[in-house]
Amino acid sequence: DDVLHTGRSVRAALDALHDFGRPTVVRLGVLIDRGGRELPIAADFIGQHVQAPEGSRVQVRLEENDDIEGVFILTSES
């Protein structure tokens, strides 16, 4: 995943994996962990922890796709 926040998208992915059978192990890697989990899901591999205010968005941009690279915190004022 790119940004791990509530854990809901990871839970949906795990549910989809279980449709094919029960995996022996699942490892989760994320570029950004911003906290604020609604579900008890934790990443095994984390690129960076970011503290972002509630209600904001964390955007990951890569030079190959966006001609700019970085992690941006977007608030309602942005």
Protein backbone atom coordinates (compact mmCIF):
# COMPACT_ATOMS: atom_id res chain seq x y z
CA ASP A 1 0.00 0.00 0.00
CA ASP A 2 1.19 3.55 -0.39
CA VAL A 3 -0.37 5.22 2.69
CA LEU A 4 -1.65 3.17 5.62
CA HIS A 5 -4.28 5.05 7.61
CA THR A 6 -7.48 3.35 8.83
CA GLY A 7 -6.58 -0.14 7.59
CA ARG A 8 -9.85 -0.61 5.69
CA SER A 9 -8.24 -1.00 2.24
CA VAL A 10 -5.78 -3.56 3.65
CA ARG A 11 -8.68 -5.46 5.23
CA ALA A 12 -10.46 -5.53 1.85
CA ALA A 13 -7.30 -6.90 0.21
CA LEU A 14 -7.01 -9.59 2.89
CA ASP A 15 -10.65 -10.56 2.32
CA ALA A 16 -9.96 -10.85 -1.43
CA LEU A 17 -6.92 -13.07 -0.74
CA HIS A 18 -9.05 -15.37 1.41
CA ASP A 19 -11.41 -15.88 -1.55
CA PHE A 20 -8.55 -17.85 -3.14
CA GLY A 21 -7.74 -19.84 0.01
CA ARG A 22 -6.05 -19.19 3.30
CA PRO A 23 -2.48 -17.92 2.80
CA THR A 24 0.27 -19.24 5.05
CA VAL A 25 1.63 -15.75 5.69
CA VAL A 26 0.88 -12.22 4.51
CA ARG A 27 3.44 -9.45 4.86
CA LEU A 28 2.40 -5.84 4.49
CA GLY A 29 4.71 -3.13 3.18
CA VAL A 30 3.72 0.54 3.08
CA LEU A 31 5.52 3.67 1.97
CA ILE A 32 3.86 5.89 4.62
CA ASP A 33 2.24 4.99 7.95
CA ARG A 34 0.16 7.90 9.21
CA GLY A 35 -1.47 6.12 12.16
CA GLY A 36 -5.16 6.49 13.01
CA ARG A 37 -6.05 2.83 12.65
CA GLU A 38 -9.71 1.74 12.86
CA LEU A 39 -8.69 -1.92 12.58
CA PRO A 40 -5.87 -3.84 14.31
CA ILE A 41 -3.63 -3.92 11.23
CA ALA A 42 0.10 -3.18 11.30
CA ALA A 43 2.64 -3.07 8.50
CA ASP A 44 5.70 -5.33 8.55
CA PHE A 45 7.75 -2.92 6.45
CA ILE A 46 7.36 0.88 6.70
CA GLY A 47 9.17 3.51 4.67
CA GLN A 48 8.30 6.46 6.92
CA HIS A 49 5.99 7.41 9.79
CA VAL A 50 4.13 10.70 9.26
CA GLN A 51 2.05 12.65 11.77
CA ALA A 52 -0.83 14.21 9.84
CA PRO A 53 -3.77 16.09 11.35
CA GLU A 54 -7.16 14.38 11.35
CA GLY A 55 -9.11 15.32 8.24
CA SER A 56 -5.99 15.82 6.12
CA ARG A 57 -4.78 13.66 3.25
CA VAL A 58 -1.30 12.28 2.71
CA GLN A 59 -0.28 12.14 -0.93
CA VAL A 60 2.74 10.21 -2.26
CA ARG A 61 4.06 11.44 -5.59
CA LEU A 62 6.75 9.67 -7.61
CA GLU A 63 8.92 11.33 -10.23
CA GLU A 64 8.25 8.58 -12.78
CA ASN A 65 4.52 9.38 -12.74
CA ASP A 66 4.22 12.97 -11.51
CA ASP A 67 7.49 14.72 -12.50
CA ILE A 68 7.90 15.49 -8.79
CA GLU A 69 8.78 13.25 -5.89
CA GLY A 70 7.75 13.59 -2.27
CA VAL A 71 5.22 13.09 0.46
CA PHE A 72 2.69 15.90 0.82
CA ILE A 73 0.19 16.54 3.62
CA LEU A 74 -2.90 18.23 2.19
CA THR A 75 -5.22 20.02 4.59
CA SER A 76 -8.60 21.54 3.82
CA GLU A 77 -6.83 24.94 3.52
CA SER A 78 -4.43 23.59 0.82
